[in-house]
């Protein structure tokens, strides 16, 4: 499975960004797509994930501000990020899990700064 992430960039505090992740390759019905983020010197942390049945799970920092969604037909996952804060600045990674295997996309930088 290959993952292609896009949509990062520079945004002012309070602004919004939408990240996209495109999955390709051998994809089975039951899987999990998600977003994690990492800052220098810190571990990668969960931002949000969504199961193939639509169930979602959010990290504490994302609740109430971020929304994850997916399009099964297009094999895409999206992360809508609103009310962005400087502390949201990080490299965001798309993830994909199925049948016990995990995959990562390349990171996309999100910088929240005035």
N, C-alpha and C. Protein backbone atom coordinates (compact mmCIF):
# COMPACT_ATOMS: atom_id res chain seq x y z
N UNK A 1 0.86 -1.19 0.00
CA UNK A 1 0.00 0.00 0.00
C UNK A 1 0.89 1.24 0.00
N UNK A 2 0.53 2.18 -0.84
CA UNK A 2 1.27 3.44 -0.89
C UNK A 2 0.32 4.57 -0.50
N UNK A 3 0.88 5.54 0.18
CA UNK A 3 0.08 6.67 0.65
C UNK A 3 0.70 7.96 0.16
N UNK A 4 -0.13 8.85 -0.32
CA UNK A 4 0.32 10.15 -0.78
C UNK A 4 -0.46 11.22 -0.04
N UNK A 5 0.25 11.98 0.78
CA UNK A 5 -0.38 13.03 1.57
C UNK A 5 -0.16 14.39 0.91
N UNK A 6 -1.11 15.27 1.10
CA UNK A 6 -1.00 16.62 0.55
C UNK A 6 -1.85 17.57 1.38
N UNK A 7 -1.62 18.86 1.18
CA UNK A 7 -2.46 19.87 1.81
C UNK A 7 -1.83 20.66 2.92
N UNK A 8 -0.61 20.33 3.30
CA UNK A 8 0.04 21.10 4.35
C UNK A 8 0.42 22.48 3.86
N UNK A 9 0.91 23.29 4.80
CA UNK A 9 1.33 24.63 4.44
C UNK A 9 1.40 25.54 5.63
N UNK A 10 1.48 26.82 5.35
CA UNK A 10 1.56 27.85 6.37
C UNK A 10 0.19 28.50 6.52
N UNK A 11 -0.26 28.63 7.75
CA UNK A 11 -1.56 29.23 8.02
C UNK A 11 -1.45 30.06 9.29
N UNK A 12 -2.25 31.10 9.36
CA UNK A 12 -2.26 31.94 10.54
C UNK A 12 -3.07 31.29 11.65
N UNK A 13 -2.77 31.64 12.89
CA UNK A 13 -3.58 31.12 14.01
C UNK A 13 -5.06 31.44 13.79
N UNK A 14 -5.88 30.46 14.08
CA UNK A 14 -7.31 30.59 13.86
C UNK A 14 -7.76 30.16 12.48
N UNK A 15 -6.82 29.91 11.61
CA UNK A 15 -7.15 29.51 10.25
C UNK A 15 -7.45 28.03 10.12
N UNK A 16 -7.65 27.62 8.87
CA UNK A 16 -8.01 26.23 8.58
C UNK A 16 -7.13 25.66 7.48
N UNK A 17 -6.98 24.36 7.52
CA UNK A 17 -6.30 23.61 6.47
C UNK A 17 -7.02 22.28 6.31
N UNK A 18 -6.93 21.74 5.10
CA UNK A 18 -7.48 20.42 4.85
C UNK A 18 -6.37 19.54 4.27
N UNK A 19 -6.07 18.47 4.98
CA UNK A 19 -5.09 17.51 4.51
C UNK A 19 -5.81 16.37 3.78
N UNK A 20 -5.16 15.87 2.75
CA UNK A 20 -5.69 14.74 1.99
C UNK A 20 -4.68 13.62 1.96
N UNK A 21 -5.17 12.40 1.93
CA UNK A 21 -4.31 11.23 1.84
C UNK A 21 -4.92 10.28 0.83
N UNK A 22 -4.15 9.94 -0.18
CA UNK A 22 -4.60 9.02 -1.21
C UNK A 22 -3.90 7.68 -1.01
N UNK A 23 -4.67 6.62 -0.93
CA UNK A 23 -4.13 5.28 -0.78
C UNK A 23 -4.22 4.54 -2.11
N UNK A 24 -3.21 3.74 -2.38
CA UNK A 24 -3.22 2.91 -3.58
C UNK A 24 -2.55 1.59 -3.28
N UNK A 25 -2.77 0.64 -4.14
CA UNK A 25 -2.22 -0.69 -3.94
C UNK A 25 -3.30 -1.69 -3.56
N UNK A 26 -2.89 -2.76 -2.89
CA UNK A 26 -3.81 -3.84 -2.56
C UNK A 26 -4.53 -3.51 -1.26
N UNK A 27 -5.73 -3.04 -1.39
CA UNK A 27 -6.51 -2.59 -0.24
C UNK A 27 -7.70 -3.49 -0.04
N UNK A 28 -7.86 -3.96 1.20
CA UNK A 28 -8.97 -4.84 1.54
C UNK A 28 -10.07 -4.05 2.22
N UNK A 29 -11.19 -4.70 2.44
CA UNK A 29 -12.35 -3.98 2.95
C UNK A 29 -12.17 -3.39 4.33
N UNK A 30 -11.61 -4.16 5.25
CA UNK A 30 -11.48 -3.68 6.62
C UNK A 30 -10.11 -3.03 6.81
N UNK A 31 -10.13 -1.74 7.09
CA UNK A 31 -8.86 -1.05 7.28
C UNK A 31 -9.08 0.22 8.10
N UNK A 32 -8.00 0.83 8.46
CA UNK A 32 -8.06 2.06 9.24
C UNK A 32 -7.15 3.08 8.57
N UNK A 33 -7.68 4.26 8.34
CA UNK A 33 -6.85 5.35 7.83
C UNK A 33 -6.78 6.43 8.91
N UNK A 34 -5.66 7.09 8.99
CA UNK A 34 -5.52 8.06 10.05
C UNK A 34 -4.44 9.08 9.80
N UNK A 35 -4.35 9.99 10.73
CA UNK A 35 -3.33 11.04 10.71
C UNK A 35 -2.63 11.07 12.06
N UNK A 36 -1.32 11.14 12.00
CA UNK A 36 -0.49 11.33 13.17
C UNK A 36 0.37 12.56 12.92
N UNK A 37 0.92 13.10 13.98
CA UNK A 37 1.82 14.23 13.80
C UNK A 37 3.02 14.10 14.72
N UNK A 38 4.08 14.79 14.33
CA UNK A 38 5.33 14.68 15.08
C UNK A 38 6.06 16.01 15.03
N UNK A 39 6.59 16.39 16.19
CA UNK A 39 7.45 17.56 16.29
C UNK A 39 8.84 17.09 16.69
N UNK A 40 9.86 17.89 16.42
CA UNK A 40 11.24 17.47 16.72
C UNK A 40 11.41 17.07 18.18
N UNK A 41 12.01 15.94 18.39
CA UNK A 41 12.29 15.46 19.73
C UNK A 41 11.13 14.77 20.42
N UNK A 42 10.00 14.67 19.74
CA UNK A 42 8.82 14.05 20.33
C UNK A 42 8.36 12.84 19.53
N UNK A 43 7.60 12.00 20.21
CA UNK A 43 7.06 10.83 19.53
C UNK A 43 5.90 11.23 18.63
N UNK A 44 5.65 10.40 17.65
CA UNK A 44 4.51 10.61 16.78
C UNK A 44 3.23 10.37 17.59
N UNK A 45 2.27 11.27 17.45
CA UNK A 45 1.05 11.14 18.24
C UNK A 45 -0.18 11.09 17.33
N UNK A 46 -1.18 10.40 17.81
CA UNK A 46 -2.42 10.29 17.04
C UNK A 46 -3.12 11.64 16.97
N UNK A 47 -3.54 11.98 15.77
CA UNK A 47 -4.41 13.13 15.59
C UNK A 47 -5.85 12.63 15.44
N UNK A 48 -6.05 11.75 14.47
CA UNK A 48 -7.38 11.19 14.25
C UNK A 48 -7.27 9.95 13.38
N UNK A 49 -8.20 9.03 13.54
CA UNK A 49 -8.26 7.86 12.67
C UNK A 49 -9.71 7.50 12.41
N UNK A 50 -9.92 6.82 11.30
CA UNK A 50 -11.27 6.45 10.90
C UNK A 50 -11.24 5.03 10.35
N UNK A 51 -12.13 4.22 10.85
CA UNK A 51 -12.24 2.84 10.40
C UNK A 51 -13.06 2.78 9.11
N UNK A 52 -12.99 1.64 8.47
CA UNK A 52 -13.74 1.49 7.24
C UNK A 52 -15.25 1.52 7.47
N UNK A 53 -15.68 1.26 8.71
CA UNK A 53 -17.12 1.35 9.01
C UNK A 53 -17.55 2.76 9.38
N UNK A 54 -16.60 3.70 9.38
CA UNK A 54 -16.91 5.10 9.67
C UNK A 54 -16.65 5.53 11.10
N UNK A 55 -16.36 4.60 11.97
CA UNK A 55 -16.07 4.97 13.36
C UNK A 55 -14.79 5.79 13.41
N UNK A 56 -14.78 6.78 14.29
CA UNK A 56 -13.63 7.68 14.38
C UNK A 56 -13.08 7.72 15.80
N UNK A 57 -11.84 8.13 15.88
CA UNK A 57 -11.18 8.31 17.17
C UNK A 57 -10.25 9.50 17.01
N UNK A 58 -10.25 10.38 18.02
CA UNK A 58 -9.45 11.58 17.95
C UNK A 58 -8.49 11.66 19.12
N UNK A 59 -7.32 12.22 18.85
CA UNK A 59 -6.41 12.56 19.92
C UNK A 59 -6.96 13.76 20.67
N UNK A 60 -6.48 13.94 21.88
CA UNK A 60 -7.01 14.99 22.75
C UNK A 60 -6.87 16.37 22.11
N UNK A 61 -5.77 16.59 21.40
CA UNK A 61 -5.52 17.90 20.82
C UNK A 61 -6.45 18.23 19.66
N UNK A 62 -7.04 17.20 19.06
CA UNK A 62 -7.86 17.40 17.87
C UNK A 62 -9.35 17.51 18.15
N UNK A 63 -9.77 17.03 19.28
CA UNK A 63 -11.21 16.98 19.57
C UNK A 63 -11.83 18.36 19.54
N UNK A 64 -12.92 18.46 18.80
CA UNK A 64 -13.66 19.71 18.71
C UNK A 64 -13.16 20.68 17.66
N UNK A 65 -11.99 20.41 17.09
CA UNK A 65 -11.43 21.32 16.09
C UNK A 65 -11.17 20.63 14.75
N UNK A 66 -10.83 19.37 14.81
CA UNK A 66 -10.48 18.63 13.59
C UNK A 66 -11.55 17.60 13.28
N UNK A 67 -11.73 17.33 12.00
CA UNK A 67 -12.68 16.30 11.58
C UNK A 67 -12.02 15.42 10.53
N UNK A 68 -12.06 14.12 10.77
CA UNK A 68 -11.53 13.18 9.79
C UNK A 68 -12.69 12.57 9.02
N UNK A 69 -12.48 12.34 7.74
CA UNK A 69 -13.49 11.70 6.90
C UNK A 69 -12.77 10.87 5.84
N UNK A 70 -13.55 10.07 5.14
CA UNK A 70 -12.94 9.26 4.08
C UNK A 70 -13.93 9.03 2.96
N UNK A 71 -13.37 8.77 1.81
CA UNK A 71 -14.14 8.43 0.62
C UNK A 71 -13.65 7.06 0.16
N UNK A 72 -14.48 6.05 0.38
CA UNK A 72 -14.05 4.69 0.07
C UNK A 72 -13.80 4.50 -1.41
N UNK A 73 -14.67 5.05 -2.22
CA UNK A 73 -14.55 4.86 -3.66
C UNK A 73 -13.25 5.43 -4.19
N UNK A 74 -12.84 6.57 -3.64
CA UNK A 74 -11.62 7.22 -4.09
C UNK A 74 -10.40 6.79 -3.30
N UNK A 75 -10.61 5.97 -2.26
CA UNK A 75 -9.51 5.52 -1.39
C UNK A 75 -8.78 6.73 -0.81
N UNK A 76 -9.56 7.68 -0.34
CA UNK A 76 -9.00 8.90 0.20
C UNK A 76 -9.44 9.09 1.65
N UNK A 77 -8.59 9.75 2.41
CA UNK A 77 -8.95 10.21 3.75
C UNK A 77 -8.62 11.69 3.82
N UNK A 78 -9.41 12.40 4.61
CA UNK A 78 -9.24 13.84 4.72
C UNK A 78 -9.21 14.24 6.19
N UNK A 79 -8.45 15.27 6.47
CA UNK A 79 -8.43 15.84 7.82
C UNK A 79 -8.70 17.34 7.69
N UNK A 80 -9.87 17.74 8.11
CA UNK A 80 -10.22 19.16 8.15
C UNK A 80 -9.80 19.72 9.49
N UNK A 81 -8.92 20.69 9.44
CA UNK A 81 -8.38 21.28 10.67
C UNK A 81 -8.84 22.73 10.76
N UNK A 82 -9.58 23.03 11.79
CA UNK A 82 -10.08 24.39 12.02
C UNK A 82 -9.51 24.94 13.32
N UNK A 83 -9.62 26.24 13.46
CA UNK A 83 -9.15 26.92 14.68
C UNK A 83 -7.72 26.51 15.02
N UNK A 84 -6.87 26.54 14.04
CA UNK A 84 -5.50 26.08 14.22
C UNK A 84 -4.74 26.98 15.18
N UNK A 85 -3.86 26.34 15.95
CA UNK A 85 -3.05 27.01 16.95
C UNK A 85 -1.58 26.82 16.63
N UNK A 86 -0.72 27.69 17.12
CA UNK A 86 0.73 27.49 16.88
C UNK A 86 1.22 26.12 17.33
N UNK A 87 0.63 25.60 18.39
CA UNK A 87 1.05 24.28 18.88
C UNK A 87 0.62 23.13 17.98
N UNK A 88 -0.16 23.42 16.95
CA UNK A 88 -0.49 22.40 15.95
C UNK A 88 0.61 22.25 14.91
N UNK A 89 1.59 23.12 14.97
CA UNK A 89 2.70 23.04 14.04
C UNK A 89 3.43 21.71 14.20
N UNK A 90 3.55 20.99 13.11
CA UNK A 90 4.15 19.65 13.14
C UNK A 90 4.22 19.11 11.72
N UNK A 91 4.89 17.99 11.59
CA UNK A 91 4.81 17.21 10.36
C UNK A 91 3.67 16.21 10.56
N UNK A 92 2.75 16.21 9.64
CA UNK A 92 1.58 15.33 9.72
C UNK A 92 1.78 14.15 8.77
N UNK A 93 1.53 12.95 9.30
CA UNK A 93 1.72 11.73 8.53
C UNK A 93 0.39 11.00 8.37
N UNK A 94 0.14 10.58 7.16
CA UNK A 94 -1.00 9.72 6.90
C UNK A 94 -0.63 8.29 7.23
N UNK A 95 -1.57 7.55 7.78
CA UNK A 95 -1.31 6.15 8.12
C UNK A 95 -2.42 5.27 7.58
N UNK A 96 -2.08 4.00 7.39
CA UNK A 96 -3.03 3.01 6.88
C UNK A 96 -2.72 1.68 7.53
N UNK A 97 -3.76 1.03 8.03
CA UNK A 97 -3.58 -0.26 8.69
C UNK A 97 -4.60 -1.25 8.15
N UNK A 98 -4.13 -2.46 7.85
CA UNK A 98 -5.03 -3.54 7.46
C UNK A 98 -4.34 -4.87 7.68
N UNK A 99 -5.10 -5.82 8.15
CA UNK A 99 -4.62 -7.18 8.34
C UNK A 99 -3.31 -7.23 9.11
N UNK A 100 -3.17 -6.38 10.11
CA UNK A 100 -1.99 -6.42 10.95
C UNK A 100 -0.80 -5.68 10.41
N UNK A 101 -0.91 -5.12 9.22
CA UNK A 101 0.19 -4.37 8.62
C UNK A 101 -0.09 -2.88 8.69
N UNK A 102 0.95 -2.11 8.88
CA UNK A 102 0.82 -0.66 8.94
C UNK A 102 1.69 0.02 7.90
N UNK A 103 1.21 1.12 7.40
CA UNK A 103 1.92 1.86 6.36
C UNK A 103 1.88 3.35 6.69
N UNK A 104 2.93 4.03 6.28
CA UNK A 104 3.01 5.48 6.48
C UNK A 104 3.21 6.17 5.15
N UNK A 105 2.61 7.33 5.03
CA UNK A 105 2.89 8.19 3.91
C UNK A 105 4.03 9.12 4.25
N UNK A 106 4.45 9.89 3.26
CA UNK A 106 5.46 10.89 3.55
C UNK A 106 4.81 11.99 4.36
N UNK A 107 5.52 12.67 5.16
CA UNK A 107 4.95 13.72 5.99
C UNK A 107 4.64 14.97 5.20
N UNK A 108 3.70 15.72 5.73
CA UNK A 108 3.41 17.03 5.16
C UNK A 108 3.48 18.06 6.28
N UNK A 109 4.22 19.12 6.04
CA UNK A 109 4.47 20.11 7.09
C UNK A 109 3.26 21.04 7.23
N UNK A 110 2.85 21.21 8.47
CA UNK A 110 1.82 22.20 8.80
C UNK A 110 2.46 23.20 9.76
N UNK A 111 2.44 24.45 9.39
CA UNK A 111 3.01 25.50 10.22
C UNK A 111 1.93 26.54 10.51
N UNK A 112 1.70 26.76 11.79
CA UNK A 112 0.71 27.75 12.21
C UNK A 112 1.45 28.91 12.85
N UNK A 113 1.45 30.02 12.16
CA UNK A 113 2.24 31.16 12.62
C UNK A 113 1.71 32.43 12.00
N UNK A 114 1.84 33.52 12.75
CA UNK A 114 1.44 34.82 12.22
C UNK A 114 2.65 35.52 11.61
